[in-house]
PDB file of all heavy atoms in Angstrom:
ATOM      1  N   ILE A   1    -180.031  93.996 -23.380  1.00  0.00           N
ATOM      2  CA  ILE A   1    -179.247  94.983 -24.123  1.00  0.00           C
ATOM      3  C   ILE A   1    -180.083  95.638 -25.240  1.00  0.00           C
ATOM      4  O   ILE A   1    -179.921  96.833 -25.508  1.00  0.00           O
ATOM      5  CB  ILE A   1    -177.974  94.345 -24.713  1.00  0.00           C
ATOM      6  CG1 ILE A   1    -177.071  93.821 -23.592  1.00  0.00           C
ATOM      7  CG2 ILE A   1    -177.212  95.314 -25.586  1.00  0.00           C
ATOM      8  CD1 ILE A   1    -175.918  92.968 -24.070  1.00  0.00           C
ATOM      9  N   ASN A   2    -180.973  94.862 -25.843  1.00  0.00           N
ATOM     10  CA  ASN A   2    -181.805  95.387 -26.931  1.00  0.00           C
ATOM     11  C   ASN A   2    -183.006  96.209 -26.480  1.00  0.00           C
ATOM     12  O   ASN A   2    -183.748  96.743 -27.287  1.00  0.00           O
ATOM     13  CB  ASN A   2    -182.306  94.225 -27.798  1.00  0.00           C
ATOM     14  CG  ASN A   2    -181.193  93.519 -28.553  1.00  0.00           C
ATOM     15  OD1 ASN A   2    -180.116  94.064 -28.719  1.00  0.00           O
ATOM     16  ND2 ASN A   2    -181.453  92.302 -29.014  1.00  0.00           N
ATOM     17  N   SER A   3    -183.220  96.272 -25.155  1.00  0.00           N
ATOM     18  CA  SER A   3    -184.453  96.839 -24.647  1.00  0.00           C
ATOM     19  C   SER A   3    -184.442  98.371 -24.590  1.00  0.00           C
ATOM     20  O   SER A   3    -183.381  99.023 -24.654  1.00  0.00           O
ATOM     21  CB  SER A   3    -184.743  96.291 -23.244  1.00  0.00           C
ATOM     22  OG  SER A   3    -183.839  96.836 -22.305  1.00  0.00           O
ATOM     23  N   LYS A   4    -185.608  98.938 -24.440  1.00  0.00           N
ATOM     24  CA  LYS A   4    -185.764 100.389 -24.360  1.00  0.00           C
ATOM     25  C   LYS A   4    -185.138 100.950 -23.089  1.00  0.00           C
ATOM     26  O   LYS A   4    -184.583 102.074 -23.080  1.00  0.00           O
ATOM     27  CB  LYS A   4    -187.257 100.755 -24.411  1.00  0.00           C
ATOM     28  CG  LYS A   4    -187.952 100.413 -25.712  1.00  0.00           C
ATOM     29  CD  LYS A   4    -189.436 100.657 -25.638  1.00  0.00           C
ATOM     30  CE  LYS A   4    -190.138 100.233 -26.930  1.00  0.00           C
ATOM     31  NZ  LYS A   4    -191.602 100.373 -26.855  1.00  0.00           N
ATOM     32  N   ASP A   5    -185.245 100.191 -21.977  1.00  0.00           N
ATOM     33  CA  ASP A   5    -184.776 100.721 -20.686  1.00  0.00           C
ATOM     34  C   ASP A   5    -183.308 100.438 -20.419  1.00  0.00           C
ATOM     35  O   ASP A   5    -182.761 100.931 -19.411  1.00  0.00           O
ATOM     36  CB  ASP A   5    -185.601 100.128 -19.559  1.00  0.00           C
ATOM     37  CG  ASP A   5    -187.070 100.568 -19.592  1.00  0.00           C
ATOM     38  OD1 ASP A   5    -187.354 101.547 -20.293  1.00  0.00           O
ATOM     39  OD2 ASP A   5    -187.898  99.922 -18.924  1.00  0.00           O
ATOM     40  N   ALA A   6    -182.663  99.650 -21.271  1.00  0.00           N
ATOM     41  CA  ALA A   6    -181.287  99.233 -20.985  1.00  0.00           C
ATOM     42  C   ALA A   6    -180.322 100.388 -20.755  1.00  0.00           C
ATOM     43  O   ALA A   6    -179.524 100.358 -19.816  1.00  0.00           O
ATOM     44  CB  ALA A   6    -180.774  98.295 -22.071  1.00  0.00           C
ATOM     45  N   PRO A   7    -180.308 101.413 -21.612  1.00  0.00           N
ATOM     46  CA  PRO A   7    -179.329 102.494 -21.396  1.00  0.00           C
ATOM     47  C   PRO A   7    -179.473 103.161 -20.014  1.00  0.00           C
ATOM     48  O   PRO A   7    -178.463 103.403 -19.354  1.00  0.00           O
ATOM     49  CB  PRO A   7    -179.654 103.476 -22.540  1.00  0.00           C
ATOM     50  CG  PRO A   7    -180.302 102.661 -23.595  1.00  0.00           C
ATOM     51  CD  PRO A   7    -181.097 101.618 -22.864  1.00  0.00           C
ATOM     52  N   GLU A   8    -180.710 103.388 -19.612  1.00  0.00           N
ATOM     53  CA  GLU A   8    -180.928 104.041 -18.316  1.00  0.00           C
ATOM     54  C   GLU A   8    -180.554 103.130 -17.169  1.00  0.00           C
ATOM     55  O   GLU A   8    -179.910 103.554 -16.181  1.00  0.00           O
ATOM     56  CB  GLU A   8    -182.412 104.435 -18.198  1.00  0.00           C
ATOM     57  CG  GLU A   8    -182.737 105.126 -16.887  1.00  0.00           C
ATOM     58  CD  GLU A   8    -184.232 105.491 -16.790  1.00  0.00           C
ATOM     59  OE1 GLU A   8    -184.916 105.396 -17.825  1.00  0.00           O
ATOM     60  OE2 GLU A   8    -184.675 105.844 -15.685  1.00  0.00           O
ATOM     61  N   LEU A   9    -180.940 101.857 -17.246  1.00  0.00           N
ATOM     62  CA  LEU A   9    -180.605 100.906 -16.182  1.00  0.00           C
ATOM     63  C   LEU A   9    -179.106 100.660 -16.113  1.00  0.00           C
ATOM     64  O   LEU A   9    -178.536 100.565 -15.010  1.00  0.00           O
ATOM     65  CB  LEU A   9    -181.354  99.583 -16.397  1.00  0.00           C
ATOM     66  CG  LEU A   9    -182.873  99.618 -16.186  1.00  0.00           C
ATOM     67  CD1 LEU A   9    -183.530  98.356 -16.700  1.00  0.00           C
ATOM     68  CD2 LEU A   9    -183.194  99.847 -14.709  1.00  0.00           C
ATOM     69  N   ALA A  10    -178.476 100.543 -17.266  1.00  0.00           N
ATOM     70  CA  ALA A  10    -177.003 100.349 -17.275  1.00  0.00           C
ATOM     71  C   ALA A  10    -176.304 101.516 -16.618  1.00  0.00           C
ATOM     72  O   ALA A  10    -175.326 101.325 -15.897  1.00  0.00           O
ATOM     73  CB  ALA A  10    -176.522 100.147 -18.713  1.00  0.00           C
ATOM     74  N   GLU A  11    -176.788 102.721 -16.850  1.00  0.00           N
ATOM     75  CA  GLU A  11    -176.151 103.910 -16.291  1.00  0.00           C
ATOM     76  C   GLU A  11    -176.229 103.905 -14.761  1.00  0.00           C
ATOM     77  O   GLU A  11    -175.346 104.450 -14.096  1.00  0.00           O
ATOM     78  CB  GLU A  11    -176.840 105.150 -16.858  1.00  0.00           C
ATOM     79  CG  GLU A  11    -176.225 106.461 -16.423  1.00  0.00           C
ATOM     80  CD  GLU A  11    -174.818 106.707 -16.972  1.00  0.00           C
ATOM     81  OE1 GLU A  11    -174.456 106.062 -17.982  1.00  0.00           O
ATOM     82  OE2 GLU A  11    -174.112 107.540 -16.386  1.00  0.00           O
ATOM     83  N   LEU A  12    -177.271 103.287 -14.197  1.00  0.00           N
ATOM     84  CA  LEU A  12    -177.413 103.244 -12.731  1.00  0.00           C
ATOM     85  C   LEU A  12    -176.297 102.416 -12.108  1.00  0.00           C
ATOM     86  O   LEU A  12    -175.879 102.696 -10.992  1.00  0.00           O
ATOM     87  CB  LEU A  12    -178.778 102.654 -12.359  1.00  0.00           C
ATOM     88  CG  LEU A  12    -180.018 103.484 -12.647  1.00  0.00           C
ATOM     89  CD1 LEU A  12    -181.273 102.717 -12.326  1.00  0.00           C
ATOM     90  CD2 LEU A  12    -179.957 104.802 -11.868  1.00  0.00           C
ATOM     91  N   GLY A  13    -175.837 101.392 -12.811  1.00  0.00           N
ATOM     92  CA  GLY A  13    -174.808 100.527 -12.263  1.00  0.00           C
ATOM     93  C   GLY A  13    -175.380  99.387 -11.435  1.00  0.00           C
ATOM     94  O   GLY A  13    -176.590  99.279 -11.264  1.00  0.00           O
ATOM     95  N   THR A  14    -174.480  98.549 -10.934  1.00  0.00           N
ATOM     96  CA  THR A  14    -174.908  97.396 -10.151  1.00  0.00           C
ATOM     97  C   THR A  14    -174.993  97.758  -8.683  1.00  0.00           C
ATOM     98  O   THR A  14    -174.622  98.839  -8.273  1.00  0.00           O
ATOM     99  CB  THR A  14    -173.921  96.225 -10.364  1.00  0.00           C
ATOM    100  OG1 THR A  14    -172.589  96.683 -10.078  1.00  0.00           O
ATOM    101  CG2 THR A  14    -173.965  95.719 -11.784  1.00  0.00           C
ATOM    102  N   SER A  15    -175.506  96.807  -7.887  1.00  0.00           N
ATOM    103  CA  SER A  15    -175.726  97.093  -6.469  1.00  0.00           C
ATOM    104  C   SER A  15    -174.908  96.194  -5.579  1.00  0.00           C
ATOM    105  O   SER A  15    -174.134  96.657  -4.760  1.00  0.00           O
ATOM    106  CB  SER A  15    -177.201  96.944  -6.142  1.00  0.00           C
ATOM    107  OG  SER A  15    -177.435  97.171  -4.778  1.00  0.00           O
ATOM    108  N   CYS A  16    -175.050  94.891  -5.716  1.00  0.00           N
ATOM    109  CA  CYS A  16    -174.360  93.939  -4.843  1.00  0.00           C
ATOM    110  C   CYS A  16    -172.860  94.240  -4.871  1.00  0.00           C
ATOM    111  O   CYS A  16    -172.259  94.340  -5.973  1.00  0.00           O
ATOM    112  CB  CYS A  16    -174.624  92.516  -5.314  1.00  0.00           C
ATOM    113  SG  CYS A  16    -173.759  91.261  -4.336  1.00  0.00           S
ATOM    114  N   PRO A  17    -172.224  94.427  -3.731  1.00  0.00           N
ATOM    115  CA  PRO A  17    -170.808  94.819  -3.744  1.00  0.00           C
ATOM    116  C   PRO A  17    -169.898  93.855  -4.493  1.00  0.00           C
ATOM    117  O   PRO A  17    -168.947  94.285  -5.149  1.00  0.00           O
ATOM    118  CB  PRO A  17    -170.441  94.880  -2.249  1.00  0.00           C
ATOM    119  CG  PRO A  17    -171.538  94.219  -1.522  1.00  0.00           C
ATOM    120  CD  PRO A  17    -172.755  94.360  -2.363  1.00  0.00           C
ATOM    121  N   ASP A  18    -170.192  92.563  -4.458  1.00  0.00           N
ATOM    122  CA  ASP A  18    -169.404  91.602  -5.215  1.00  0.00           C
ATOM    123  C   ASP A  18    -169.500  91.923  -6.714  1.00  0.00           C
ATOM    124  O   ASP A  18    -168.536  91.767  -7.453  1.00  0.00           O
ATOM    125  CB  ASP A  18    -169.907  90.185  -4.981  1.00  0.00           C
ATOM    126  CG  ASP A  18    -169.209  89.546  -3.801  1.00  0.00           C
ATOM    127  OD1 ASP A  18    -169.017  90.264  -2.807  1.00  0.00           O
ATOM    128  OD2 ASP A  18    -168.867  88.370  -3.888  1.00  0.00           O
ATOM    129  N   HIS A  19    -170.675  92.343  -7.163  1.00  0.00           N
ATOM    130  CA  HIS A  19    -170.871  92.596  -8.583  1.00  0.00           C
ATOM    131  C   HIS A  19    -170.023  93.783  -9.064  1.00  0.00           C
ATOM    132  O   HIS A  19    -169.270  93.661 -10.016  1.00  0.00           O
ATOM    133  CB  HIS A  19    -172.356  92.870  -8.870  1.00  0.00           C
ATOM    134  CG  HIS A  19    -173.227  91.655  -8.685  1.00  0.00           C
ATOM    135  ND1 HIS A  19    -174.597  91.685  -8.838  1.00  0.00           N
ATOM    136  CD2 HIS A  19    -172.938  90.375  -8.344  1.00  0.00           C
ATOM    137  CE1 HIS A  19    -175.101  90.497  -8.622  1.00  0.00           C
ATOM    138  NE2 HIS A  19    -174.107  89.690  -8.306  1.00  0.00           N
ATOM    139  N   PHE A  20    -170.165  94.930  -8.377  1.00  0.00           N
ATOM    140  CA  PHE A  20    -169.499  96.089  -8.966  1.00  0.00           C
ATOM    141  C   PHE A  20    -167.990  96.103  -8.718  1.00  0.00           C
ATOM    142  O   PHE A  20    -167.292  96.895  -9.349  1.00  0.00           O
ATOM    143  CB  PHE A  20    -170.183  97.410  -8.580  1.00  0.00           C
ATOM    144  CG  PHE A  20    -170.130  97.797  -7.151  1.00  0.00           C
ATOM    145  CD1 PHE A  20    -168.943  98.235  -6.583  1.00  0.00           C
ATOM    146  CD2 PHE A  20    -171.286  97.786  -6.390  1.00  0.00           C
ATOM    147  CE1 PHE A  20    -168.920  98.628  -5.248  1.00  0.00           C
ATOM    148  CE2 PHE A  20    -171.247  98.161  -5.066  1.00  0.00           C
ATOM    149  CZ  PHE A  20    -170.072  98.597  -4.497  1.00  0.00           C
ATOM    150  N   LEU A  21    -167.482  95.280  -7.814  1.00  0.00           N
ATOM    151  CA  LEU A  21    -166.018  95.176  -7.716  1.00  0.00           C
ATOM    152  C   LEU A  21    -165.429  94.601  -8.986  1.00  0.00           C
ATOM    153  O   LEU A  21    -164.274  94.882  -9.335  1.00  0.00           O
ATOM    154  CB  LEU A  21    -165.635  94.308  -6.509  1.00  0.00           C
ATOM    155  CG  LEU A  21    -165.698  95.005  -5.141  1.00  0.00           C
ATOM    156  CD1 LEU A  21    -165.448  94.003  -4.043  1.00  0.00           C
ATOM    157  CD2 LEU A  21    -164.706  96.155  -5.048  1.00  0.00           C
ATOM    158  N   ARG A  22    -166.217  93.831  -9.703  1.00  0.00           N
ATOM    159  CA  ARG A  22    -165.760  93.252 -11.010  1.00  0.00           C
ATOM    160  C   ARG A  22    -166.258  94.098 -12.182  1.00  0.00           C
ATOM    161  O   ARG A  22    -165.528  94.298 -13.140  1.00  0.00           O
ATOM    162  CB  ARG A  22    -166.308  91.837 -11.159  1.00  0.00           C
ATOM    163  CG  ARG A  22    -165.832  90.877 -10.076  1.00  0.00           C
ATOM    164  CD  ARG A  22    -164.426  90.402 -10.289  1.00  0.00           C
ATOM    165  NE  ARG A  22    -164.106  89.337  -9.344  1.00  0.00           N
ATOM    166  CZ  ARG A  22    -162.972  88.636  -9.388  1.00  0.00           C
ATOM    167  NH1 ARG A  22    -162.086  88.894 -10.288  1.00  0.00           N
ATOM    168  NH2 ARG A  22    -162.745  87.690  -8.493  1.00  0.00           N
ATOM    169  N   THR A  23    -167.493  94.557 -12.092  1.00  0.00           N
ATOM    170  CA  THR A  23    -168.106  95.217 -13.246  1.00  0.00           C
ATOM    171  C   THR A  23    -167.835  96.728 -13.246  1.00  0.00           C
ATOM    172  O   THR A  23    -168.259  97.400 -14.188  1.00  0.00           O
ATOM    173  CB  THR A  23    -169.621  94.993 -13.256  1.00  0.00           C
ATOM    174  OG1 THR A  23    -170.207  95.603 -12.115  1.00  0.00           O
ATOM    175  CG2 THR A  23    -169.947  93.496 -13.217  1.00  0.00           C
ATOM    176  N   LYS A  24    -167.165  97.248 -12.234  1.00  0.00           N
ATOM    177  CA  LYS A  24    -166.959  98.694 -12.021  1.00  0.00           C
ATOM    178  C   LYS A  24    -168.317  99.352 -11.738  1.00  0.00           C
ATOM    179  O   LYS A  24    -169.342  98.678 -11.650  1.00  0.00           O
ATOM    180  CB  LYS A  24    -166.207  99.338 -13.171  1.00  0.00           C
ATOM    181  CG  LYS A  24    -164.826  98.741 -13.401  1.00  0.00           C
ATOM    182  CD  LYS A  24    -164.068  99.452 -14.516  1.00  0.00           C
ATOM    183  CE  LYS A  24    -163.420 100.720 -14.049  1.00  0.00           C
ATOM    184  NZ  LYS A  24    -162.158 100.461 -13.313  1.00  0.00           N
ATOM    185  N   ILE A  25    -168.259 100.641 -11.574  1.00  0.00           N
ATOM    186  CA  ILE A  25    -169.460 101.351 -11.143  1.00  0.00           C
ATOM    187  C   ILE A  25    -170.621 101.202 -12.100  1.00  0.00           C
ATOM    188  O   ILE A  25    -171.789 101.208 -11.738  1.00  0.00           O
ATOM    189  CB  ILE A  25    -169.141 102.839 -10.887  1.00  0.00           C
ATOM    190  CG1 ILE A  25    -170.310 103.569 -10.243  1.00  0.00           C
ATOM    191  CG2 ILE A  25    -168.661 103.519 -12.148  1.00  0.00           C
ATOM    192  CD1 ILE A  25    -170.684 103.040  -8.887  1.00  0.00           C
ATOM    193  N   LYS A  26    -170.306 101.042 -13.403  1.00  0.00           N
ATOM    194  CA  LYS A  26    -171.341 100.857 -14.409  1.00  0.00           C
ATOM    195  C   LYS A  26    -170.690 100.278 -15.666  1.00  0.00           C
ATOM    196  O   LYS A  26    -169.474 100.380 -15.851  1.00  0.00           O
ATOM    197  CB  LYS A  26    -172.030 102.172 -14.728  1.00  0.00           C
ATOM    198  CG  LYS A  26    -171.117 103.192 -15.384  1.00  0.00           C
ATOM    199  CD  LYS A  26    -171.826 104.501 -15.699  1.00  0.00           C
ATOM    200  CE  LYS A  26    -170.890 105.522 -16.358  1.00  0.00           C
ATOM    201  NZ  LYS A  26    -171.547 106.784 -16.684  1.00  0.00           N
ATOM    202  N   PRO A  27    -171.487  99.703 -16.571  1.00  0.00           N
ATOM    203  CA  PRO A  27    -170.956  99.253 -17.859  1.00  0.00           C
ATOM    204  C   PRO A  27    -170.942 100.419 -18.857  1.00  0.00           C
ATOM    205  O   PRO A  27    -171.524 101.496 -18.565  1.00  0.00           O
ATOM    206  CB  PRO A  27    -171.951  98.179 -18.295  1.00  0.00           C
ATOM    207  CG  PRO A  27    -173.234  98.644 -17.707  1.00  0.00           C
ATOM    208  CD  PRO A  27    -172.905  99.315 -16.399  1.00  0.00           C
ATOM    209  N   LEU A  28    -170.316 100.216 -19.990  1.00  0.00           N
ATOM    210  CA  LEU A  28    -170.467 101.134 -21.093  1.00  0.00           C
ATOM    211  C   LEU A  28    -171.544 100.596 -22.037  1.00  0.00           C
ATOM    212  O   LEU A  28    -171.416  99.479 -22.577  1.00  0.00           O
ATOM    213  CB  LEU A  28    -169.136 101.265 -21.879  1.00  0.00           C
ATOM    214  CG  LEU A  28    -169.226 101.980 -23.236  1.00  0.00           C
ATOM    215  CD1 LEU A  28    -169.698 103.410 -23.056  1.00  0.00           C
ATOM    216  CD2 LEU A  28    -167.891 101.914 -23.959  1.00  0.00           C
ATOM    217  N   TYR A  29    -172.579 101.370 -22.197  1.00  0.00           N
ATOM    218  CA  TYR A  29    -173.639 101.023 -23.165  1.00  0.00           C
ATOM    219  C   TYR A  29    -173.358 101.798 -24.450  1.00  0.00           C
ATOM    220  O   TYR A  29    -173.319 103.028 -24.446  1.00  0.00           O
ATOM    221  CB  TYR A  29    -175.033 101.372 -22.612  1.00  0.00           C
ATOM    222  CG  TYR A  29    -176.138 100.889 -23.487  1.00  0.00           C
ATOM    223  CD1 TYR A  29    -176.736  99.638 -23.274  1.00  0.00           C
ATOM    224  CD2 TYR A  29    -176.622 101.643 -24.562  1.00  0.00           C
ATOM    225  CE1 TYR A  29    -177.769  99.174 -24.084  1.00  0.00           C
ATOM    226  CE2 TYR A  29    -177.639 101.200 -25.386  1.00  0.00           C
ATOM    227  CZ  TYR A  29    -178.201  99.950 -25.139  1.00  0.00           C
ATOM    228  OH  TYR A  29    -179.213  99.489 -25.956  1.00  0.00           O
ATOM    229  N   VAL A  30    -173.140 101.065 -25.535  1.00  0.00           N
ATOM    230  CA  VAL A  30    -172.808 101.670 -26.823  1.00  0.00           C
ATOM    231  C   VAL A  30    -174.086 101.886 -27.625  1.00  0.00           C
ATOM    232  O   VAL A  30    -174.811 100.935 -27.893  1.00  0.00           O
ATOM    233  CB  VAL A  30    -171.823 100.792 -27.610  1.00  0.00           C
ATOM    234  CG1 VAL A  30    -171.516 101.444 -28.954  1.00  0.00           C
ATOM    235  CG2 VAL A  30    -170.552 100.577 -26.815  1.00  0.00           C
ATOM    236  N   THR A  31    -174.347 103.126 -27.982  1.00  0.00           N
ATOM    237  CA  THR A  31    -175.562 103.430 -28.760  1.00  0.00           C
ATOM    238  C   THR A  31    -175.286 103.118 -30.221  1.00  0.00           C
ATOM    239  O   THR A  31    -174.557 103.842 -30.909  1.00  0.00           O
ATOM    240  CB  THR A  31    -175.933 104.909 -28.601  1.00  0.00           C
ATOM    241  OG1 THR A  31    -176.094 105.206 -27.190  1.00  0.00           O
ATOM    242  CG2 THR A  31    -177.217 105.216 -29.321  1.00  0.00           C
ATOM    243  N   TRP A  32    -175.837 102.019 -30.685  1.00  0.00           N
ATOM    244  CA  TRP A  32    -175.645 101.554 -32.063  1.00  0.00           C
ATOM    245  C   TRP A  32    -176.861 100.796 -32.505  1.00  0.00           C
ATOM    246  O   TRP A  32    -177.366  99.934 -31.762  1.00  0.00           O
ATOM    247  CB  TRP A  32    -174.381 100.683 -32.140  1.00  0.00           C
ATOM    248  CG  TRP A  32    -174.039 100.171 -33.516  1.00  0.00           C
ATOM    249  CD1 TRP A  32    -173.594 100.936 -34.564  1.00  0.00           C
ATOM    250  CD2 TRP A  32    -174.065  98.821 -33.974  1.00  0.00           C
ATOM    251  NE1 TRP A  32    -173.351 100.129 -35.649  1.00  0.00           N
ATOM    252  CE2 TRP A  32    -173.645  98.832 -35.336  1.00  0.00           C
ATOM    253  CE3 TRP A  32    -174.444  97.601 -33.400  1.00  0.00           C
ATOM    254  CZ2 TRP A  32    -173.554  97.671 -36.101  1.00  0.00           C
ATOM    255  CZ3 TRP A  32    -174.351  96.450 -34.164  1.00  0.00           C
ATOM    256  CH2 TRP A  32    -173.905  96.488 -35.498  1.00  0.00           C
ATOM    257  N   ASP A  33    -177.358 101.115 -33.683  1.00  0.00           N
ATOM    258  CA  ASP A  33    -178.518 100.418 -34.228  1.00  0.00           C
ATOM    259  C   ASP A  33    -178.036  99.332 -35.173  1.00  0.00           C
ATOM    260  O   ASP A  33    -177.546  99.621 -36.263  1.00  0.00           O
ATOM    261  CB  ASP A  33    -179.403 101.413 -34.982  1.00  0.00           C
ATOM    262  CG  ASP A  33    -180.728 100.766 -35.429  1.00  0.00           C
ATOM    263  OD1 ASP A  33    -180.791  99.543 -35.559  1.00  0.00           O
ATOM    264  OD2 ASP A  33    -181.698 101.532 -35.677  1.00  0.00           O
ATOM    265  N   PRO A  34    -178.154  98.056 -34.795  1.00  0.00           N
ATOM    266  CA  PRO A  34    -177.626  96.991 -35.620  1.00  0.00           C
ATOM    267  C   PRO A  34    -178.343  96.856 -36.968  1.00  0.00           C
ATOM    268  O   PRO A  34    -177.801  96.281 -37.905  1.00  0.00           O
ATOM    269  CB  PRO A  34    -177.857  95.716 -34.748  1.00  0.00           C
ATOM    270  CG  PRO A  34    -178.970  96.091 -33.831  1.00  0.00           C
ATOM    271  CD  PRO A  34    -178.803  97.542 -33.553  1.00  0.00           C
ATOM    272  N   GLY A  35    -179.556  97.380 -37.060  1.00  0.00           N
ATOM    273  CA  GLY A  35    -180.295  97.275 -38.313  1.00  0.00           C
ATOM    274  C   GLY A  35    -180.014  98.405 -39.287  1.00  0.00           C
ATOM    275  O   GLY A  35    -180.308  98.288 -40.488  1.00  0.00           O
ATOM    276  N   GLU A  36    -179.442  99.491 -38.777  1.00  0.00           N
ATOM    277  CA  GLU A  36    -179.242 100.686 -39.617  1.00  0.00           C
ATOM    278  C   GLU A  36    -177.776 101.110 -39.757  1.00  0.00           C
ATOM    279  O   GLU A  36    -177.376 101.594 -40.809  1.00  0.00           O
ATOM    280  CB  GLU A  36    -180.061 101.845 -39.058  1.00  0.00           C
ATOM    281  CG  GLU A  36    -181.569 101.601 -38.985  1.00  0.00           C
ATOM    282  CD  GLU A  36    -182.216 101.547 -40.363  1.00  0.00           C
ATOM    283  OE1 GLU A  36    -181.646 102.137 -41.304  1.00  0.00           O
ATOM    284  OE2 GLU A  36    -183.287 100.893 -40.500  1.00  0.00           O
TER     285      GLU A  36
END
């Protein structure tokens, strides 16, 4: 979640059909800087 690539990878969504039936097509990545 803290990584540079996380927003882009999260937007792609999951692949395994079992996964996205629970996780939906993609997660919501919240843009928030915990330090600022």
